Amino acid sequence: MSRHVAIVTDSTAYLPPQTMERHAITAVPLTVVIGDRALLEGTEISARSLAEALQKRRPVTTSRPSPEVFAAAYREAAEAGARGIVSLHLSAEVSGTYDAAVLAAKDAPVPVRVVDTRMIGMALGFCALAAAEVVEAGGSLEDAVAAAEKRVGDTSAYFYVDTLDYLRRGGRIGTAQALLGSALAVKPLLELDGGRIELREKVRTASKAIARLEELAVEQAGSGPVDIAVHHLSAPERAEALAERLRERVPGIVELHVSEVGAVIGAHTGPGLLAVVVSPR
């Protein structure tokens, strides 16, 4: 990270490794705890291992990085020549990661702007990329923050889950909403709204829910230019099929990423997740 402004995010951005390397973005890992084992997302646990643990109903929880881990990342960036740092993180409504970064920033050797993007997954990743591209063009720390915040305002994220039970267990969605979905035997469509996971619509079957997910993405994308990400957990065929339909229907796609989510998001959504992030440029 030799640029004058360093970009730091966390492992839930799910940026491809080559993209992070090309844009000199650092990701601080969150932790997944399976039974009595604490594992770092991205290096010590795979999405497949997480899905297997969930299917076996093993206890799975997640935890934020410690302020000390963020402090080490900030020191490393400063030692590499950064005169300022933009630290972009998943929604504070669903994780304490932002709070840990704020604590670490107070004693950092260079100025650090910590941003609660109110996003998760590639919705966060696109914000980090926007900031990095501004820095590469010679922009300041404040320019990079402004670019990330603008991307936040324009980005939408919708997702389908087979059951709300995992979100309920982790406290990421209200018990009343989860019980309503179970009682009616519906397939839930959710969205990020103000950094919170909210139930957007209730659909009767999985096929209708996925078709509706596609329609929401097409409506939000318009004619572009737009970046799109399709996420999944243990549902690669669904994800590829949805991505192919979006390629056909959205004329202004600049980049389209298809990827399996990591263990942290997967722990709260469960196998069968299918998500679409739409981020206009």
C-alpha atoms as a PDB file:
ATOM      1  CA  MET A   1       0.000   0.000   0.000  1.00  0.00           C
ATOM      2  CA  SER A   2       2.378   2.670  -1.229  1.00  0.00           C
ATOM      3  CA  ARG A   3      -0.256   5.144  -2.429  1.00  0.00           C
ATOM      4  CA  HIS A   4      -0.678   8.453  -0.582  1.00  0.00           C
ATOM      5  CA  VAL A   5      -4.116   7.327   0.625  1.00  0.00           C
ATOM      6  CA  ALA A   6      -4.591   3.692   1.624  1.00  0.00           C
ATOM      7  CA  ILE A   7      -7.909   1.882   1.277  1.00  0.00           C
ATOM      8  CA  VAL A   8      -8.838  -0.596   4.004  1.00  0.00           C
ATOM      9  CA  THR A   9     -12.028  -2.649   4.087  1.00  0.00           C
ATOM     10  CA  ASP A  10     -13.050  -5.928   5.704  1.00  0.00           C
ATOM     11  CA  SER A  11     -13.417  -9.495   4.526  1.00  0.00           C
ATOM     12  CA  THR A  12     -17.166  -9.190   3.918  1.00  0.00           C
ATOM     13  CA  ALA A  13     -16.512  -7.012   0.844  1.00  0.00           C
ATOM     14  CA  TYR A  14     -15.775 -10.263  -1.024  1.00  0.00           C
ATOM     15  CA  LEU A  15     -13.596  -8.566  -3.594  1.00  0.00           C
ATOM     16  CA  PRO A  16     -11.678 -10.940  -5.885  1.00  0.00           C
ATOM     17  CA  PRO A  17      -8.050 -11.301  -4.679  1.00  0.00           C
ATOM     18  CA  GLN A  18      -6.661 -10.063  -7.989  1.00  0.00           C
ATOM     19  CA  THR A  19      -8.852  -6.964  -7.796  1.00  0.00           C
ATOM     20  CA  MET A  20      -7.661  -6.190  -4.274  1.00  0.00           C
ATOM     21  CA  GLU A  21      -4.046  -6.597  -5.328  1.00  0.00           C
ATOM     22  CA  ARG A  22      -4.465  -4.445  -8.442  1.00  0.00           C
ATOM     23  CA  HIS A  23      -6.041  -1.608  -6.453  1.00  0.00           C
ATOM     24  CA  ALA A  24      -3.923  -2.063  -3.295  1.00  0.00           C
ATOM     25  CA  ILE A  25      -6.960  -2.658  -1.077  1.00  0.00           C
ATOM     26  CA  THR A  26      -6.450  -4.352   2.294  1.00  0.00           C
ATOM     27  CA  ALA A  27      -9.212  -6.461   3.866  1.00  0.00           C
ATOM     28  CA  VAL A  28      -9.253  -7.033   7.628  1.00  0.00           C
ATOM     29  CA  PRO A  29     -10.802 -10.457   8.353  1.00  0.00           C
ATOM     30  CA  LEU A  30     -13.826 -11.126  10.534  1.00  0.00           C
ATOM     31  CA  THR A  31     -13.977 -14.344  12.540  1.00  0.00           C
ATOM     32  CA  VAL A  32     -16.320 -17.320  12.283  1.00  0.00           C
ATOM     33  CA  VAL A  33     -16.671 -19.535  15.341  1.00  0.00           C
ATOM     34  CA  ILE A  34     -17.748 -23.137  14.722  1.00  0.00           C
ATOM     35  CA  GLY A  35     -18.155 -25.013  17.971  1.00  0.00           C
ATOM     36  CA  ASP A  36     -15.050 -24.007  19.902  1.00  0.00           C
ATOM     37  CA  ARG A  37     -12.911 -23.156  16.869  1.00  0.00           C
ATOM     38  CA  ALA A  38     -12.365 -19.515  15.866  1.00  0.00           C
ATOM     39  CA  LEU A  39     -11.441 -19.203  12.185  1.00  0.00           C
ATOM     40  CA  LEU A  40     -10.530 -16.152  10.110  1.00  0.00           C
ATOM     41  CA  GLU A  41     -12.752 -15.521   7.114  1.00  0.00           C
ATOM     42  CA  GLY A  42     -10.985 -15.762   3.811  1.00  0.00           C
ATOM     43  CA  THR A  43      -7.966 -17.768   4.976  1.00  0.00           C
ATOM     44  CA  GLU A  44      -8.995 -20.354   7.562  1.00  0.00           C
ATOM     45  CA  ILE A  45     -12.528 -21.319   6.559  1.00  0.00           C
ATOM     46  CA  SER A  46     -14.156 -21.829   3.179  1.00  0.00           C
ATOM     47  CA  ALA A  47     -17.761 -21.298   2.187  1.00  0.00           C
ATOM     48  CA  ARG A  48     -18.075 -25.049   1.588  1.00  0.00           C
ATOM     49  CA  SER A  49     -16.878 -25.873   5.125  1.00  0.00           C
ATOM     50  CA  LEU A  50     -19.294 -23.318   6.531  1.00  0.00           C
ATOM     51  CA  ALA A  51     -22.219 -24.744   4.545  1.00  0.00           C
ATOM     52  CA  GLU A  52     -21.406 -28.259   5.744  1.00  0.00           C
ATOM     53  CA  ALA A  53     -21.333 -27.075   9.371  1.00  0.00           C
ATOM     54  CA  LEU A  54     -24.702 -25.357   8.978  1.00  0.00           C
ATOM     55  CA  GLN A  55     -26.266 -28.402   7.338  1.00  0.00           C
ATOM     56  CA  LYS A  56     -25.065 -30.521  10.272  1.00  0.00           C
ATOM     57  CA  ARG A  57     -26.624 -27.915  12.605  1.00  0.00           C
ATOM     58  CA  ARG A  58     -23.350 -27.232  14.363  1.00  0.00           C
ATOM     59  CA  PRO A  59     -23.326 -23.982  16.384  1.00  0.00           C
ATOM     60  CA  VAL A  60     -21.943 -21.152  14.251  1.00  0.00           C
ATOM     61  CA  THR A  61     -21.394 -17.542  15.312  1.00  0.00           C
ATOM     62  CA  THR A  62     -19.384 -14.621  13.979  1.00  0.00           C
ATOM     63  CA  SER A  63     -17.346 -11.879  15.601  1.00  0.00           C
ATOM     64  CA  ARG A  64     -15.802  -8.583  14.573  1.00  0.00           C
ATOM     65  CA  PRO A  65     -12.051  -7.962  14.244  1.00  0.00           C
ATOM     66  CA  SER A  66     -10.494  -6.504  17.375  1.00  0.00           C
ATOM     67  CA  PRO A  67      -9.367  -2.855  17.444  1.00  0.00           C
ATOM     68  CA  GLU A  68      -5.801  -4.207  17.710  1.00  0.00           C
ATOM     69  CA  VAL A  69      -6.133  -5.937  14.334  1.00  0.00           C
ATOM     70  CA  PHE A  70      -7.278  -2.685  12.749  1.00  0.00           C
ATOM     71  CA  ALA A  71      -4.472  -0.787  14.482  1.00  0.00           C
ATOM     72  CA  ALA A  72      -1.938  -3.171  12.946  1.00  0.00           C
ATOM     73  CA  ALA A  73      -3.432  -2.652   9.478  1.00  0.00           C
ATOM     74  CA  TYR A  74      -3.291   1.129   9.893  1.00  0.00           C
ATOM     75  CA  ARG A  75       0.337   1.016  11.076  1.00  0.00           C
ATOM     76  CA  GLU A  76       1.292  -1.144   8.111  1.00  0.00           C
ATOM     77  CA  ALA A  77      -0.339   1.300   5.700  1.00  0.00           C
ATOM     78  CA  ALA A  78       1.482   4.256   7.274  1.00  0.00           C
ATOM     79  CA  GLU A  79       4.808   2.431   7.191  1.00  0.00           C
ATOM     80  CA  ALA A  80       4.252   1.745   3.497  1.00  0.00           C
ATOM     81  CA  GLY A  81       3.964   5.479   2.847  1.00  0.00           C
ATOM     82  CA  ALA A  82       0.275   6.303   3.211  1.00  0.00           C
ATOM     83  CA  ARG A  83      -0.384   9.790   4.567  1.00  0.00           C
ATOM     84  CA  GLY A  84      -4.064   9.028   5.141  1.00  0.00           C
ATOM     85  CA  ILE A  85      -6.399   6.018   5.257  1.00  0.00           C
ATOM     86  CA  VAL A  86     -10.007   5.453   4.208  1.00  0.00           C
ATOM     87  CA  SER A  87     -11.450   2.525   6.164  1.00  0.00           C
ATOM     88  CA  LEU A  88     -14.746   1.248   4.700  1.00  0.00           C
ATOM     89  CA  HIS A  89     -16.836  -1.362   6.483  1.00  0.00           C
ATOM     90  CA  LEU A  90     -20.013  -3.384   6.530  1.00  0.00           C
ATOM     91  CA  SER A  91     -23.113  -1.938   8.088  1.00  0.00           C
ATOM     92  CA  ALA A  92     -22.866  -1.073  11.772  1.00  0.00           C
ATOM     93  CA  GLU A  93     -26.478  -2.256  12.031  1.00  0.00           C
ATOM     94  CA  VAL A  94     -25.353  -5.866  11.614  1.00  0.00           C
ATOM     95  CA  SER A  95     -21.779  -5.903  12.988  1.00  0.00           C
ATOM     96  CA  GLY A  96     -19.498  -4.195  15.476  1.00  0.00           C
ATOM     97  CA  THR A  97     -16.711  -4.010  12.884  1.00  0.00           C
ATOM     98  CA  TYR A  98     -17.189  -0.288  12.294  1.00  0.00           C
ATOM     99  CA  ASP A  99     -16.964   0.430  16.028  1.00  0.00           C
ATOM    100  CA  ALA A 100     -13.701  -1.527  16.312  1.00  0.00           C
ATOM    101  CA  ALA A 101     -12.227   0.439  13.399  1.00  0.00           C
ATOM    102  CA  VAL A 102     -13.265   3.747  14.999  1.00  0.00           C
ATOM    103  CA  LEU A 103     -11.484   2.804  18.228  1.00  0.00           C
ATOM    104  CA  ALA A 104      -8.307   1.887  16.356  1.00  0.00           C
ATOM    105  CA  ALA A 105      -8.393   5.050  14.252  1.00  0.00           C
ATOM    106  CA  LYS A 106      -8.063   7.268  17.337  1.00  0.00           C
ATOM    107  CA  ASP A 107      -4.430   6.241  17.852  1.00  0.00           C
ATOM    108  CA  ALA A 108      -3.418   5.661  14.244  1.00  0.00           C
ATOM    109  CA  PRO A 109      -0.162   7.265  13.085  1.00  0.00           C
ATOM    110  CA  VAL A 110      -1.925   9.000  10.157  1.00  0.00           C
ATOM    111  CA  PRO A 111      -5.442  10.395   9.716  1.00  0.00           C
ATOM    112  CA  VAL A 112      -8.079   7.673   9.260  1.00  0.00           C
ATOM    113  CA  ARG A 113     -11.618   8.245   8.003  1.00  0.00           C
ATOM    114  CA  VAL A 114     -13.799   5.321   9.039  1.00  0.00           C
ATOM    115  CA  VAL A 115     -16.989   4.963   7.008  1.00  0.00           C
ATOM    116  CA  ASP A 116     -20.046   2.894   7.860  1.00  0.00           C
ATOM    117  CA  THR A 117     -21.116   2.056   4.318  1.00  0.00           C
ATOM    118  CA  ARG A 118     -24.395   0.496   5.525  1.00  0.00           C
ATOM    119  CA  MET A 119     -23.643  -2.235   2.973  1.00  0.00           C
ATOM    120  CA  ILE A 120     -22.438  -5.841   2.926  1.00  0.00           C
ATOM    121  CA  GLY A 121     -20.921  -8.126   0.286  1.00  0.00           C
ATOM    122  CA  MET A 122     -19.989  -6.601  -3.059  1.00  0.00           C
ATOM    123  CA  ALA A 123     -22.214  -3.651  -2.199  1.00  0.00           C
ATOM    124  CA  LEU A 124     -19.359  -2.818   0.175  1.00  0.00           C
ATOM    125  CA  GLY A 125     -16.781  -3.989  -2.353  1.00  0.00           C
ATOM    126  CA  PHE A 126     -17.989  -1.575  -5.039  1.00  0.00           C
ATOM    127  CA  CYS A 127     -17.679   1.289  -2.525  1.00  0.00           C
ATOM    128  CA  ALA A 128     -14.083   0.313  -1.783  1.00  0.00           C
ATOM    129  CA  LEU A 129     -13.325   0.149  -5.512  1.00  0.00           C
ATOM    130  CA  ALA A 130     -14.820   3.602  -6.067  1.00  0.00           C
ATOM    131  CA  ALA A 131     -12.563   5.040  -3.365  1.00  0.00           C
ATOM    132  CA  ALA A 132      -9.497   3.251  -4.725  1.00  0.00           C
ATOM    133  CA  GLU A 133     -10.087   4.500  -8.266  1.00  0.00           C
ATOM    134  CA  VAL A 134     -10.276   8.097  -7.032  1.00  0.00           C
ATOM    135  CA  VAL A 135      -6.994   7.680  -5.163  1.00  0.00           C
ATOM    136  CA  GLU A 136      -5.354   6.193  -8.249  1.00  0.00           C
ATOM    137  CA  ALA A 137      -6.416   9.280 -10.196  1.00  0.00           C
ATOM    138  CA  GLY A 138      -4.648  11.513  -7.642  1.00  0.00           C
ATOM    139  CA  GLY A 139      -7.629  12.336  -5.434  1.00  0.00           C
ATOM    140  CA  SER A 140      -7.368  13.213  -1.766  1.00  0.00           C
ATOM    141  CA  LEU A 141      -8.582  11.331   1.272  1.00  0.00           C
ATOM    142  CA  GLU A 142     -11.764  13.426   1.319  1.00  0.00           C
ATOM    143  CA  ASP A 143     -12.272  12.828  -2.409  1.00  0.00           C
ATOM    144  CA  ALA A 144     -12.062   9.082  -1.823  1.00  0.00           C
ATOM    145  CA  VAL A 145     -14.566   9.247   1.053  1.00  0.00           C
ATOM    146  CA  ALA A 146     -16.954  11.287  -1.092  1.00  0.00           C
ATOM    147  CA  ALA A 147     -16.718   8.775  -3.944  1.00  0.00           C
ATOM    148  CA  ALA A 148     -17.439   5.862  -1.604  1.00  0.00           C
ATOM    149  CA  GLU A 149     -20.399   7.642  -0.007  1.00  0.00           C
ATOM    150  CA  LYS A 150     -21.865   8.509  -3.412  1.00  0.00           C
ATOM    151  CA  ARG A 151     -21.583   4.873  -4.449  1.00  0.00           C
ATOM    152  CA  VAL A 152     -23.362   3.893  -1.229  1.00  0.00           C
ATOM    153  CA  GLY A 153     -26.270   6.162  -2.078  1.00  0.00           C
ATOM    154  CA  ASP A 154     -26.658   4.664  -5.540  1.00  0.00           C
ATOM    155  CA  THR A 155     -26.228   0.980  -4.672  1.00  0.00           C
ATOM    156  CA  SER A 156     -29.001  -1.520  -3.948  1.00  0.00           C
ATOM    157  CA  ALA A 157     -28.797  -5.063  -2.630  1.00  0.00           C
ATOM    158  CA  TYR A 158     -31.555  -7.668  -2.761  1.00  0.00           C
ATOM    159  CA  PHE A 159     -31.407 -11.272  -1.660  1.00  0.00           C
ATOM    160  CA  TYR A 160     -33.348 -14.471  -1.467  1.00  0.00           C
ATOM    161  CA  VAL A 161     -32.918 -17.048   1.298  1.00  0.00           C
ATOM    162  CA  ASP A 162     -34.510 -20.454   1.627  1.00  0.00           C
ATOM    163  CA  THR A 163     -35.362 -19.725   5.261  1.00  0.00           C
ATOM    164  CA  LEU A 164     -35.245 -16.772   7.645  1.00  0.00           C
ATOM    165  CA  ASP A 165     -34.179 -19.036  10.482  1.00  0.00           C
ATOM    166  CA  TYR A 166     -30.448 -18.307  10.208  1.00  0.00           C
ATOM    167  CA  LEU A 167     -31.033 -14.550  10.200  1.00  0.00           C
ATOM    168  CA  ARG A 168     -33.338 -14.914  13.197  1.00  0.00           C
ATOM    169  CA  ARG A 169     -30.816 -16.976  15.160  1.00  0.00           C
ATOM    170  CA  GLY A 170     -28.130 -14.357  14.604  1.00  0.00           C
ATOM    171  CA  GLY A 171     -30.408 -11.485  15.537  1.00  0.00           C
ATOM    172  CA  ARG A 172     -30.143  -9.936  12.061  1.00  0.00           C
ATOM    173  CA  ILE A 173     -33.882  -9.903  11.475  1.00  0.00           C
ATOM    174  CA  GLY A 174     -36.797  -9.573  13.866  1.00  0.00           C
ATOM    175  CA  THR A 175     -38.358 -12.683  15.335  1.00  0.00           C
ATOM    176  CA  ALA A 176     -41.827 -11.522  14.260  1.00  0.00           C
ATOM    177  CA  GLN A 177     -40.740 -11.241  10.629  1.00  0.00           C
ATOM    178  CA  ALA A 178     -39.092 -14.654  10.742  1.00  0.00           C
ATOM    179  CA  LEU A 179     -42.109 -16.328  12.331  1.00  0.00           C
ATOM    180  CA  LEU A 180     -44.440 -14.702   9.808  1.00  0.00           C
ATOM    181  CA  GLY A 181     -42.425 -16.177   6.957  1.00  0.00           C
ATOM    182  CA  SER A 182     -42.445 -19.620   8.539  1.00  0.00           C
ATOM    183  CA  ALA A 183     -46.159 -19.528   9.353  1.00  0.00           C
ATOM    184  CA  LEU A 184     -47.151 -18.626   5.827  1.00  0.00           C
ATOM    185  CA  ALA A 185     -44.635 -21.008   4.216  1.00  0.00           C
ATOM    186  CA  VAL A 186     -43.429 -18.189   1.976  1.00  0.00           C
ATOM    187  CA  LYS A 187     -40.074 -17.602   0.340  1.00  0.00           C
ATOM    188  CA  PRO A 188     -38.668 -14.282   1.573  1.00  0.00           C
ATOM    189  CA  LEU A 189     -37.050 -11.563  -0.516  1.00  0.00           C
ATOM    190  CA  LEU A 190     -34.969  -9.167   1.546  1.00  0.00           C
ATOM    191  CA  GLU A 191     -33.126  -5.924   0.945  1.00  0.00           C
ATOM    192  CA  LEU A 192     -30.652  -3.626   2.623  1.00  0.00           C
ATOM    193  CA  ASP A 193     -32.486  -0.545   3.836  1.00  0.00           C
ATOM    194  CA  GLY A 194     -30.545   2.016   5.835  1.00  0.00           C
ATOM    195  CA  GLY A 195     -27.986  -0.636   6.687  1.00  0.00           C
ATOM    196  CA  ARG A 196     -30.606  -3.009   8.080  1.00  0.00           C
ATOM    197  CA  ILE A 197     -31.810  -6.289   6.609  1.00  0.00           C
ATOM    198  CA  GLU A 198     -35.498  -5.820   5.915  1.00  0.00           C
ATOM    199  CA  LEU A 199     -38.151  -8.131   4.529  1.00  0.00           C
ATOM    200  CA  ARG A 200     -39.163  -6.600   1.192  1.00  0.00           C
ATOM    201  CA  GLU A 201     -41.632  -9.095  -0.247  1.00  0.00           C
ATOM    202  CA  LYS A 202     -43.119 -12.514   0.456  1.00  0.00           C
ATOM    203  CA  VAL A 203     -43.333 -14.868  -2.512  1.00  0.00           C
ATOM    204  CA  ARG A 204     -44.981 -18.277  -2.587  1.00  0.00           C
ATOM    205  CA  THR A 205     -42.309 -20.378  -4.328  1.00  0.00           C
ATOM    206  CA  ALA A 206     -38.551 -20.341  -4.781  1.00  0.00           C
ATOM    207  CA  SER A 207     -38.831 -20.026  -8.576  1.00  0.00           C
ATOM    208  CA  LYS A 208     -41.141 -17.016  -8.296  1.00  0.00           C
ATOM    209  CA  ALA A 209     -38.869 -15.432  -5.687  1.00  0.00           C
ATOM    210  CA  ILE A 210     -35.817 -15.773  -7.933  1.00  0.00           C
ATOM    211  CA  ALA A 211     -37.757 -14.396 -10.907  1.00  0.00           C
ATOM    212  CA  ARG A 212     -38.760 -11.415  -8.779  1.00  0.00           C
ATOM    213  CA  LEU A 213     -35.131 -10.957  -7.694  1.00  0.00           C
ATOM    214  CA  GLU A 214     -34.208 -10.715 -11.366  1.00  0.00           C
ATOM    215  CA  GLU A 215     -36.925  -8.137 -12.035  1.00  0.00           C
ATOM    216  CA  LEU A 216     -35.789  -5.961  -9.126  1.00  0.00           C
ATOM    217  CA  ALA A 217     -32.218  -6.018 -10.420  1.00  0.00           C
ATOM    218  CA  VAL A 218     -33.256  -5.125 -13.972  1.00  0.00           C
ATOM    219  CA  GLU A 219     -35.447  -2.268 -12.747  1.00  0.00           C
ATOM    220  CA  GLN A 220     -32.689  -0.867 -10.555  1.00  0.00           C
ATOM    221  CA  ALA A 221     -29.982  -1.195 -13.214  1.00  0.00           C
ATOM    222  CA  GLY A 222     -31.863   0.695 -15.905  1.00  0.00           C
ATOM    223  CA  SER A 223     -29.744   1.297 -18.999  1.00  0.00           C
ATOM    224  CA  GLY A 224     -26.459   1.664 -17.099  1.00  0.00           C
ATOM    225  CA  PRO A 225     -23.577   2.119 -16.841  1.00  0.00           C
ATOM    226  CA  VAL A 226     -23.770  -0.225 -13.893  1.00  0.00           C
ATOM    227  CA  ASP A 227     -21.785  -2.839 -12.011  1.00  0.00           C
ATOM    228  CA  ILE A 228     -23.605  -5.953 -10.825  1.00  0.00           C
ATOM    229  CA  ALA A 229     -22.645  -8.750  -8.464  1.00  0.00           C
ATOM    230  CA  VAL A 230     -24.468 -12.033  -8.012  1.00  0.00           C
ATOM    231  CA  HIS A 231     -23.705 -13.827  -4.744  1.00  0.00           C
ATOM    232  CA  HIS A 232     -24.697 -17.295  -3.614  1.00  0.00           C
ATOM    233  CA  LEU A 233     -24.017 -19.940  -0.987  1.00  0.00           C
ATOM    234  CA  SER A 234     -24.043 -23.533  -2.221  1.00  0.00           C
ATOM    235  CA  ALA A 235     -26.147 -22.511  -5.223  1.00  0.00           C
ATOM    236  CA  PRO A 236     -23.706 -22.020  -8.143  1.00  0.00           C
ATOM    237  CA  GLU A 237     -26.131 -23.113 -10.866  1.00  0.00           C
ATOM    238  CA  ARG A 238     -28.792 -20.665  -9.683  1.00  0.00           C
ATOM    239  CA  ALA A 239     -26.208 -17.870  -9.567  1.00  0.00           C
ATOM    240  CA  GLU A 240     -24.794 -18.519 -13.039  1.00  0.00           C
ATOM    241  CA  ALA A 241     -28.273 -18.785 -14.550  1.00  0.00           C
ATOM    242  CA  LEU A 242     -29.329 -15.485 -12.979  1.00  0.00           C
ATOM    243  CA  ALA A 243     -26.123 -13.773 -14.086  1.00  0.00           C
ATOM    244  CA  GLU A 244     -26.639 -14.949 -17.664  1.00  0.00           C
ATOM    245  CA  ARG A 245     -30.184 -13.574 -17.726  1.00  0.00           C
ATOM    246  CA  LEU A 246     -28.975 -10.229 -16.377  1.00  0.00           C
ATOM    247  CA  ARG A 247     -26.283 -10.069 -19.079  1.00  0.00           C
ATOM    248  CA  GLU A 248     -29.023 -10.459 -21.662  1.00  0.00           C
ATOM    249  CA  ARG A 249     -31.431  -7.951 -20.115  1.00  0.00           C
ATOM    250  CA  VAL A 250     -29.192  -5.141 -18.819  1.00  0.00           C
ATOM    251  CA  PRO A 251     -27.448  -3.360 -21.701  1.00  0.00           C
ATOM    252  CA  GLY A 252     -25.183  -1.134 -19.636  1.00  0.00           C
ATOM    253  CA  ILE A 253     -23.287  -3.651 -17.502  1.00  0.00           C
ATOM    254  CA  VAL A 254     -19.653  -2.619 -17.072  1.00  0.00           C
ATOM    255  CA  GLU A 255     -18.630  -5.423 -14.730  1.00  0.00           C
ATOM    256  CA  LEU A 256     -20.583  -8.468 -13.573  1.00  0.00           C
ATOM    257  CA  HIS A 257     -19.152 -10.543 -10.734  1.00  0.00           C
ATOM    258  CA  VAL A 258     -20.453 -13.968  -9.737  1.00  0.00           C
ATOM    259  CA  SER A 259     -19.127 -15.313  -6.447  1.00  0.00           C
ATOM    260  CA  GLU A 260     -19.913 -17.451  -3.445  1.00  0.00           C
ATOM    261  CA  VAL A 261     -20.216 -15.431  -0.263  1.00  0.00           C
ATOM    262  CA  GLY A 262     -17.756 -16.004   2.532  1.00  0.00           C
ATOM    263  CA  ALA A 263     -18.392 -17.651   5.844  1.00  0.00           C
ATOM    264  CA  VAL A 264     -19.537 -14.553   7.743  1.00  0.00           C
ATOM    265  CA  ILE A 265     -22.516 -13.699   5.551  1.00  0.00           C
ATOM    266  CA  GLY A 266     -23.155 -17.381   4.896  1.00  0.00           C
ATOM    267  CA  ALA A 267     -23.450 -18.061   8.616  1.00  0.00           C
ATOM    268  CA  HIS A 268     -26.405 -15.672   8.822  1.00  0.00           C
ATOM    269  CA  THR A 269     -28.183 -16.580   5.588  1.00  0.00           C
ATOM    270  CA  GLY A 270     -27.677 -20.319   5.233  1.00  0.00           C
ATOM    271  CA  PRO A 271     -27.225 -22.481   2.116  1.00  0.00           C
ATOM    272  CA  GLY A 272     -29.381 -21.515  -0.846  1.00  0.00           C
ATOM    273  CA  LEU A 273     -28.695 -17.782  -0.595  1.00  0.00           C
ATOM    274  CA  LEU A 274     -28.981 -15.880  -3.870  1.00  0.00           C
ATOM    275  CA  ALA A 275     -28.238 -12.154  -3.864  1.00  0.00           C
ATOM    276  CA  VAL A 276     -27.925  -9.350  -6.404  1.00  0.00           C
ATOM    277  CA  VAL A 277     -26.018  -6.108  -5.895  1.00  0.00           C
ATOM    278  CA  VAL A 278     -26.745  -3.313  -8.372  1.00  0.00           C
ATOM    279  CA  SER A 279     -24.312  -0.397  -8.282  1.00  0.00           C
ATOM    280  CA  PRO A 280     -24.687   2.356 -10.913  1.00  0.00           C
ATOM    281  CA  ARG A 281     -21.487   4.155 -11.869  1.00  0.00           C
END
